[in-house]
Protein backbone atom coordinates (compact mmCIF):
# COMPACT_ATOMS: atom_id res chain seq x y z
CA UNK A 1 -0.05 -0.03 -0.02
CA UNK A 2 1.32 3.31 -0.98
CA UNK A 3 1.58 6.12 1.59
CA UNK A 4 1.92 9.93 1.35
CA UNK A 5 5.06 11.87 2.00
CA UNK A 6 4.38 12.27 5.47
CA UNK A 7 3.36 8.71 6.07
CA UNK A 8 6.37 7.57 4.19
CA UNK A 9 8.70 9.44 6.82
CA UNK A 10 6.67 8.24 9.72
CA UNK A 11 6.99 4.65 8.38
CA UNK A 12 10.75 5.09 8.04
CA UNK A 13 11.00 6.51 11.55
CA UNK A 14 9.19 3.35 12.88
CA UNK A 15 11.36 1.13 11.21
CA UNK A 16 14.48 2.69 12.23
CA UNK A 17 13.47 3.16 15.73
CA UNK A 18 12.59 -0.56 16.03
CA UNK A 19 15.89 -1.60 14.76
CA UNK A 20 17.69 0.84 17.32
CA UNK A 21 15.58 -0.69 19.79
CA UNK A 22 16.83 -4.21 18.92
CA UNK A 23 13.12 -5.16 18.13
CA UNK A 24 11.80 -6.70 14.89
CA UNK A 25 9.25 -4.63 13.06
CA UNK A 26 7.47 -5.88 10.03
CA UNK A 27 10.62 -5.59 7.88
CA UNK A 28 14.39 -4.44 7.96
CA UNK A 29 15.03 -0.82 7.35
CA UNK A 30 16.82 -0.01 4.14
CA UNK A 31 18.92 3.19 4.34
CA UNK A 32 21.72 3.86 1.71
CA UNK A 33 23.12 6.45 4.03
CA UNK A 34 26.51 7.38 2.47
CA UNK A 35 25.42 8.51 -1.06
CA UNK A 36 26.35 11.85 -2.40
CA UNK A 37 27.73 14.02 -5.07
CA UNK A 38 30.45 11.71 -6.81
CA UNK A 39 27.81 9.11 -7.34
CA UNK A 40 25.20 11.53 -8.64
CA UNK A 41 27.75 13.00 -11.01
CA UNK A 42 28.10 9.75 -12.93
CA UNK A 43 24.24 9.69 -13.19
CA UNK A 44 23.82 13.26 -14.44
CA UNK A 45 26.76 13.49 -16.69
CA UNK A 46 29.15 15.63 -14.88
CA UNK A 47 32.87 14.88 -13.82
CA UNK A 48 34.37 15.53 -10.35
CA UNK A 49 35.96 18.52 -11.80
CA UNK A 50 32.60 20.00 -12.52
CA UNK A 51 31.46 19.16 -9.28
CA UNK A 52 34.14 20.18 -6.97
CA UNK A 53 35.18 23.39 -8.97
CA UNK A 54 31.70 25.01 -9.60
CA UNK A 55 29.30 26.09 -6.94
CA UNK A 56 26.54 26.04 -9.53
CA UNK A 57 27.21 22.51 -10.57
CA UNK A 58 27.63 21.22 -7.03
CA UNK A 59 24.20 22.75 -5.98
CA UNK A 60 22.72 21.30 -9.14
CA UNK A 61 23.97 17.92 -8.56
CA UNK A 62 22.90 17.84 -4.92
CA UNK A 63 19.34 19.15 -5.74
CA UNK A 64 18.85 16.62 -8.53
CA UNK A 65 20.55 13.89 -6.59
CA UNK A 66 18.04 14.27 -3.57
CA UNK A 67 15.09 14.23 -6.16
CA UNK A 68 16.58 10.97 -7.41
CA UNK A 69 16.82 9.59 -3.84
CA UNK A 70 13.17 10.38 -2.90
CA UNK A 71 11.57 9.64 -6.19
CA UNK A 72 13.61 6.75 -7.63
CA UNK A 73 15.63 5.06 -4.82
CA UNK A 74 12.89 5.19 -2.11
CA UNK A 75 14.81 3.91 0.75
CA UNK A 76 13.83 4.51 4.39
CA UNK A 77 14.76 8.20 4.83
CA UNK A 78 13.09 9.58 7.87
CA UNK A 79 13.27 13.17 7.11
CA UNK A 80 12.32 15.30 3.79
CA UNK A 81 15.20 16.53 1.60
CA UNK A 82 16.52 19.85 2.63
CA UNK A 83 15.00 22.84 0.84
CA UNK A 84 18.32 24.42 0.17
CA UNK A 85 22.16 23.42 0.40
CA UNK A 86 24.18 25.98 2.43
CA UNK A 87 27.27 24.02 2.81
CA UNK A 88 29.26 22.73 -0.29
CA UNK A 89 30.77 19.30 -0.34
CA UNK A 90 34.44 20.20 -0.90
CA UNK A 91 35.69 16.60 -0.53
CA UNK A 92 37.61 15.06 2.26
CA UNK A 93 40.28 17.62 2.81
CA UNK A 94 39.65 19.10 6.37
CA UNK A 95 43.15 17.94 7.62
CA UNK A 96 44.75 19.63 4.69
CA UNK A 97 43.02 22.95 5.43
CA UNK A 98 43.44 22.77 9.20
CA UNK A 99 47.23 21.98 8.96
CA UNK A 100 47.99 24.04 5.82
CA UNK A 101 48.84 21.10 3.51
CA UNK A 102 49.05 21.15 -0.30
CA UNK A 103 45.60 19.94 -1.72
CA UNK A 104 45.21 18.66 -5.15
CA UNK A 105 41.99 19.35 -7.01
CA UNK A 106 40.37 17.79 -10.08
CA UNK A 107 40.84 19.89 -13.33
CA UNK A 108 40.37 19.47 -17.01
CA UNK A 109 43.40 17.14 -17.22
CA UNK A 110 42.23 15.13 -14.14
CA UNK A 111 38.59 15.42 -14.37
CA UNK A 112 37.93 12.36 -12.13
CA UNK A 113 40.51 13.10 -9.41
CA UNK A 114 38.91 13.34 -5.93
CA UNK A 115 40.30 16.42 -3.95
CA UNK A 116 43.49 14.96 -2.27
CA UNK A 117 45.69 15.87 0.51
CA UNK A 118 49.52 15.67 0.09
CA UNK A 119 50.95 14.26 3.24
CA UNK A 120 53.03 17.02 4.92
CA UNK A 121 54.58 15.25 7.97
CA UNK A 122 56.91 12.76 6.48
CA UNK A 123 59.86 12.49 9.01
CA UNK A 124 60.15 12.43 12.89
CA UNK A 125 61.40 16.05 12.81
CA UNK A 126 58.30 17.05 10.96
CA UNK A 127 55.95 15.18 13.51
CA UNK A 128 57.64 17.33 16.35
CA UNK A 129 56.86 20.56 14.33
CA UNK A 130 53.17 20.13 14.31
CA UNK A 131 51.27 22.86 16.20
CA UNK A 132 47.71 23.04 17.41
CA UNK A 133 46.02 25.72 15.24
CA UNK A 134 43.52 28.36 16.38
CA UNK A 135 40.17 27.81 14.98
CA UNK A 136 39.96 31.37 13.65
CA UNK A 137 43.08 30.88 11.64
CA UNK A 138 41.63 27.68 10.37
CA UNK A 139 38.66 29.65 9.12
CA UNK A 140 40.95 32.14 7.38
CA UNK A 141 42.82 29.18 5.63
CA UNK A 142 39.40 27.77 4.66
CA UNK A 143 38.21 30.96 3.21
CA UNK A 144 41.55 31.16 1.08
CA UNK A 145 41.04 27.45 -0.01
CA UNK A 146 37.52 28.03 -1.13
CA UNK A 147 38.46 30.90 -3.29
CA UNK A 148 41.08 28.54 -5.03
CA UNK A 149 38.69 25.65 -5.34
CA UNK A 150 35.65 27.53 -6.70
CA UNK A 151 37.26 30.81 -8.05
CA UNK A 152 35.14 32.97 -5.93
CA UNK A 153 34.88 34.45 -2.43
CA UNK A 154 32.79 32.24 -0.19
CA UNK A 155 32.03 32.38 3.53
CA UNK A 156 33.81 29.49 5.33
CA UNK A 157 32.09 27.24 7.85
CA UNK A 158 33.40 25.36 10.83
CA UNK A 159 35.00 22.14 9.73
CA UNK A 160 36.16 19.16 11.61
CA UNK A 161 39.05 16.61 11.09
CA UNK A 162 39.06 12.77 11.44
CA UNK A 163 39.62 11.38 14.89
CA UNK A 164 43.41 11.25 15.58
CA UNK A 165 44.63 8.05 14.10
CA UNK A 166 42.81 8.65 10.78
CA UNK A 167 43.70 12.32 10.75
CA UNK A 168 47.23 11.15 11.19
CA UNK A 169 46.88 8.85 8.10
CA UNK A 170 46.14 12.05 5.97
CA UNK A 171 48.87 14.07 7.33
CA UNK A 172 51.62 11.45 7.43
CA UNK A 173 50.51 9.10 4.45
CA UNK A 174 49.10 5.63 5.21
CA UNK A 175 52.32 4.14 3.75
CA UNK A 176 54.23 5.65 6.64
CA UNK A 177 51.61 5.87 9.36
CA UNK A 178 51.81 2.15 10.53
CA UNK A 179 55.63 1.96 10.30
CA UNK A 180 55.85 5.34 12.45
CA UNK A 181 53.55 3.67 15.14
CA UNK A 182 56.16 0.69 15.44
CA UNK A 183 59.32 2.94 15.21
CA UNK A 184 58.32 6.05 17.09
CA UNK A 185 55.63 5.27 19.59
CA UNK A 186 56.40 8.02 21.93
CA UNK A 187 56.56 10.52 19.22
CA UNK A 188 53.28 9.29 17.73
CA UNK A 189 51.52 9.65 21.03
CA UNK A 190 52.70 13.25 21.24
CA UNK A 191 51.41 13.76 17.66
CA UNK A 192 48.14 12.04 18.34
CA UNK A 193 47.72 14.18 21.47
CA UNK A 194 48.01 17.37 19.47
CA UNK A 195 45.54 16.04 17.02
CA UNK A 196 43.10 15.27 19.69
CA UNK A 197 43.56 18.78 21.13
CA UNK A 198 42.89 20.02 17.64
CA UNK A 199 39.69 17.88 17.35
CA UNK A 200 38.33 19.19 20.57
CA UNK A 201 39.14 22.87 19.87
CA UNK A 202 37.43 22.54 16.51
CA UNK A 203 34.27 21.01 18.02
CA UNK A 204 34.04 23.63 20.74
CA UNK A 205 34.31 26.38 18.09
CA UNK A 206 31.65 24.53 16.04
CA UNK A 207 29.23 24.30 19.00
CA UNK A 208 29.73 28.13 19.66
CA UNK A 209 29.34 29.10 16.04
CA UNK A 210 26.08 27.31 15.82
CA UNK A 211 24.92 27.90 19.26
CA UNK A 212 24.49 24.28 20.04
CA UNK A 213 25.54 21.62 22.63
CA UNK A 214 26.73 18.38 20.94
CA UNK A 215 25.71 15.33 22.91
CA UNK A 216 25.62 12.75 20.03
CA UNK A 217 28.62 12.23 17.89
CA UNK A 218 29.83 10.20 15.00
CA UNK A 219 33.42 9.43 14.12
CA UNK A 220 34.87 8.28 10.68
CA UNK A 221 37.80 6.18 11.76
CA UNK A 222 38.82 4.47 8.62
CA UNK A 223 42.46 3.48 9.23
CA UNK A 224 42.08 2.29 12.85
CA UNK A 225 40.79 -1.17 12.25
CA UNK A 226 44.00 -2.33 10.48
CA UNK A 227 45.79 -2.30 13.74
CA UNK A 228 45.95 -5.43 15.84
CA UNK A 229 44.11 -5.26 19.10
CA UNK A 230 47.02 -4.33 21.26
CA UNK A 231 48.00 -1.37 19.03
CA UNK A 232 44.37 -0.35 18.79
CA UNK A 233 44.16 -0.22 22.58
CA UNK A 234 47.26 1.89 22.76
CA UNK A 235 46.92 4.26 19.79
CA UNK A 236 43.28 4.54 19.23
CA UNK A 237 41.25 3.89 22.39
CA UNK A 238 42.41 6.61 24.72
CA UNK A 239 41.85 9.25 21.96
CA UNK A 240 38.57 8.20 20.79
CA UNK A 241 37.33 7.56 24.21
CA UNK A 242 38.05 11.16 25.18
CA UNK A 243 35.97 12.44 22.25
CA UNK A 244 33.10 10.10 23.01
CA UNK A 245 32.85 10.81 26.68
CA UNK A 246 32.78 14.50 26.05
CA UNK A 247 30.51 14.62 22.98
CA UNK A 248 28.74 11.31 22.99
CA UNK A 249 26.64 11.43 26.16
CA UNK A 250 23.50 10.44 24.31
CA UNK A 251 24.57 8.46 21.21
CA UNK A 252 27.74 7.20 19.76
CA UNK A 253 28.23 6.24 15.90
CA UNK A 254 31.37 5.03 14.38
CA UNK A 255 32.27 4.61 10.70
CA UNK A 256 35.06 2.22 9.74
CA UNK A 257 36.40 1.26 6.26
CA UNK A 258 38.49 -1.52 7.98
CA UNK A 259 37.90 -4.78 10.00
CA UNK A 260 36.17 -4.62 13.40
CA UNK A 261 35.89 -8.33 14.61
CA UNK A 262 39.14 -8.10 16.50
CA UNK A 263 38.19 -4.97 18.38
CA UNK A 264 34.55 -5.73 19.00
CA UNK A 265 34.74 -6.25 22.64
CA UNK A 266 36.60 -2.85 22.83
CA UNK A 267 34.00 -1.04 20.85
CA UNK A 268 31.14 -2.40 22.94
CA UNK A 269 32.68 -2.42 26.41
CA UNK A 270 35.09 0.38 26.44
CA UNK A 271 34.14 2.93 23.85
CA UNK A 272 30.35 1.87 24.43
CA UNK A 273 29.40 2.42 20.66
CA UNK A 274 25.69 2.58 19.90
CA UNK A 275 25.77 2.35 16.07
CA UNK A 276 28.44 1.06 13.68
CA UNK A 277 28.85 1.32 9.90
CA UNK A 278 30.43 -1.97 8.99
CA UNK A 279 32.90 -2.03 6.15
CA UNK A 280 32.28 -4.32 3.12
CA UNK A 281 35.24 -6.35 3.84
CA UNK A 282 33.93 -7.52 7.24
CA UNK A 283 31.67 -10.66 7.61
CA UNK A 284 28.48 -9.62 9.17
CA UNK A 285 27.76 -13.20 10.49
CA UNK A 286 31.08 -13.01 12.37
CA UNK A 287 30.42 -9.70 14.08
CA UNK A 288 26.76 -10.27 14.76
CA UNK A 289 27.27 -12.16 17.99
CA UNK A 290 29.47 -9.55 19.95
CA UNK A 291 27.29 -6.76 18.80
CA UNK A 292 24.01 -8.47 19.08
CA UNK A 293 21.56 -6.38 21.36
CA UNK A 294 24.34 -3.84 21.95
CA UNK A 295 25.43 -2.08 18.75
CA UNK A 296 23.18 -1.27 15.86
CA UNK A 297 24.93 -2.52 12.59
CA UNK A 298 24.66 -0.90 9.29
CA UNK A 299 25.90 -2.58 6.10
CA UNK A 300 27.42 -4.16 4.10
CA UNK A 301 26.98 -4.97 0.59
CA UNK A 302 30.26 -4.33 -1.46
CA UNK A 303 30.00 -1.43 -3.86
CA UNK A 304 32.01 -3.52 -6.36
CA UNK A 305 28.97 -5.73 -6.89
CA UNK A 306 26.79 -2.85 -7.95
CA UNK A 307 28.63 -2.37 -11.32
CA UNK A 308 27.12 -3.22 -14.72
CA UNK A 309 29.35 -6.37 -15.12
CA UNK A 310 28.02 -8.13 -12.02
CA UNK A 311 24.94 -10.23 -12.45
CA UNK A 312 21.53 -9.48 -10.42
CA UNK A 313 21.80 -12.94 -9.07
CA UNK A 314 25.11 -12.05 -7.39
CA UNK A 315 23.48 -8.82 -5.91
CA UNK A 316 20.53 -10.95 -4.66
CA UNK A 317 23.03 -13.36 -2.88
CA UNK A 318 24.75 -10.51 -1.14
CA UNK A 319 21.50 -8.80 -0.09
CA UNK A 320 20.15 -12.14 1.41
CA UNK A 321 23.49 -12.94 3.13
CA UNK A 322 23.58 -9.42 4.79
CA UNK A 323 19.98 -9.74 6.03
CA UNK A 324 20.11 -13.33 7.06
CA UNK A 325 23.46 -12.71 9.02
CA UNK A 326 22.72 -9.52 10.78
CA UNK A 327 18.95 -8.75 10.88
CA UNK A 328 17.56 -11.60 13.32
CA UNK A 329 16.44 -10.01 16.55
CA UNK A 330 16.58 -6.31 15.21
CA UNK A 331 19.52 -4.01 15.47
CA UNK A 332 20.34 -3.91 11.92
CA UNK A 333 19.92 -1.26 9.08
CA UNK A 334 20.59 -2.63 5.62
CA UNK A 335 23.03 -0.53 3.62
CA UNK A 336 26.18 -0.81 1.38
CA UNK A 337 29.42 -1.05 3.20
CA UNK A 338 30.92 2.41 3.00
CA UNK A 339 30.27 5.02 0.46
CA UNK A 340 28.35 4.57 -2.72
CA UNK A 341 30.97 5.62 -5.25
CA UNK A 342 30.87 7.26 -8.84
CA UNK A 343 30.61 4.38 -11.50
CA UNK A 344 28.03 2.27 -9.44
CA UNK A 345 25.20 1.29 -11.79
CA UNK A 346 22.02 3.19 -10.62
CA UNK A 347 19.62 0.56 -11.89
CA UNK A 348 21.56 -1.98 -9.80
CA UNK A 349 21.36 0.17 -6.67
CA UNK A 350 17.56 0.58 -7.13
CA UNK A 351 17.14 -3.08 -7.64
CA UNK A 352 19.11 -3.72 -4.50
CA UNK A 353 16.96 -1.42 -2.31
CA UNK A 354 13.78 -3.15 -3.81
CA UNK A 355 15.16 -6.60 -3.18
CA UNK A 356 16.20 -5.79 0.39
CA UNK A 357 12.64 -4.53 1.21
CA UNK A 358 11.30 -7.71 -0.36
CA UNK A 359 13.29 -10.26 1.56
CA UNK A 360 13.90 -8.36 4.64
CA UNK A 361 10.54 -9.04 6.16
CA UNK A 362 10.11 -10.51 9.49
CA UNK A 363 9.98 -13.28 10.41
CA UNK A 364 13.02 -14.00 8.33
CA UNK A 365 13.15 -17.22 6.35
CA UNK A 366 16.76 -17.51 5.16
CA UNK A 367 19.79 -18.43 6.99
CA UNK A 368 23.11 -17.21 6.01
CA UNK A 369 24.93 -19.40 3.40
CA UNK A 370 28.36 -20.65 4.43
């Protein structure tokens, strides 16, 4: 039975609230959460150079993209689309702006290059030189960068870096990050401490700027899960816990593009995560037991299955496996594992959403295939 727009949002909220309460509603909520401009560019015939270098194109892509989400994709979004877009998608460049790194931008010669930070801190001596910036200075640098990126004067807005370890990956380079953790642990703790101080200063500035008090927080800590448990406990836990304890009094969300099974107990018992975006490389059946009834999981169909060369039967198998593995007992939101990238086949994405709604009805019939 079809419902009007208002009823549609109420229905989505009901499904999501049931999942977050570890209850089984009539079906699993389906929410393709991390979907944005780069994916829409490939649908509407724009390049990343068009999208990231033109305010007009960026706003047009997002406006049409949200129309596509609500009219074509029809996933379980609980709120109507924004009436206007006041903040541009500048790419994942916050660390580059905050610490004054070189940032490469797409152009006519590299139209599909995502904005990219050139790692600046490449030696132990450079690590020592990092200074915690003043938020007002960050705003000045951001204004200068916006002029470079879009060719016009734009008012900056408060930006935030990744939590310390992943921020370090952007500033040091992932090829050096893990080596430095082994070779220079004391120096890395000092470096991570400065990044934590920066994160807290920027969040305090953001709250003051918008006149708000943040009590629910989400972190994107993509690099952290590649560390073994002992190193995660040493180089990630104390820093992320400081953030969550200060700004996550009501709800704590975590996105990771890396494995989590080996640190599941830490996430549940010590970081007290409420909601987790599970990477496509992780096995939901493996992480369901430690998170069951404690952490709401999102995920985790691999984006690579959503290309034109992959059969619909393969997509069906992936959808069925995710739902059978993670949905029993609630606490699960069907999604892709990470961001929906440019190049994914929109028809397959729509098919995936419809099929997940079809097979994700409680009581579930399928068990995960070995």
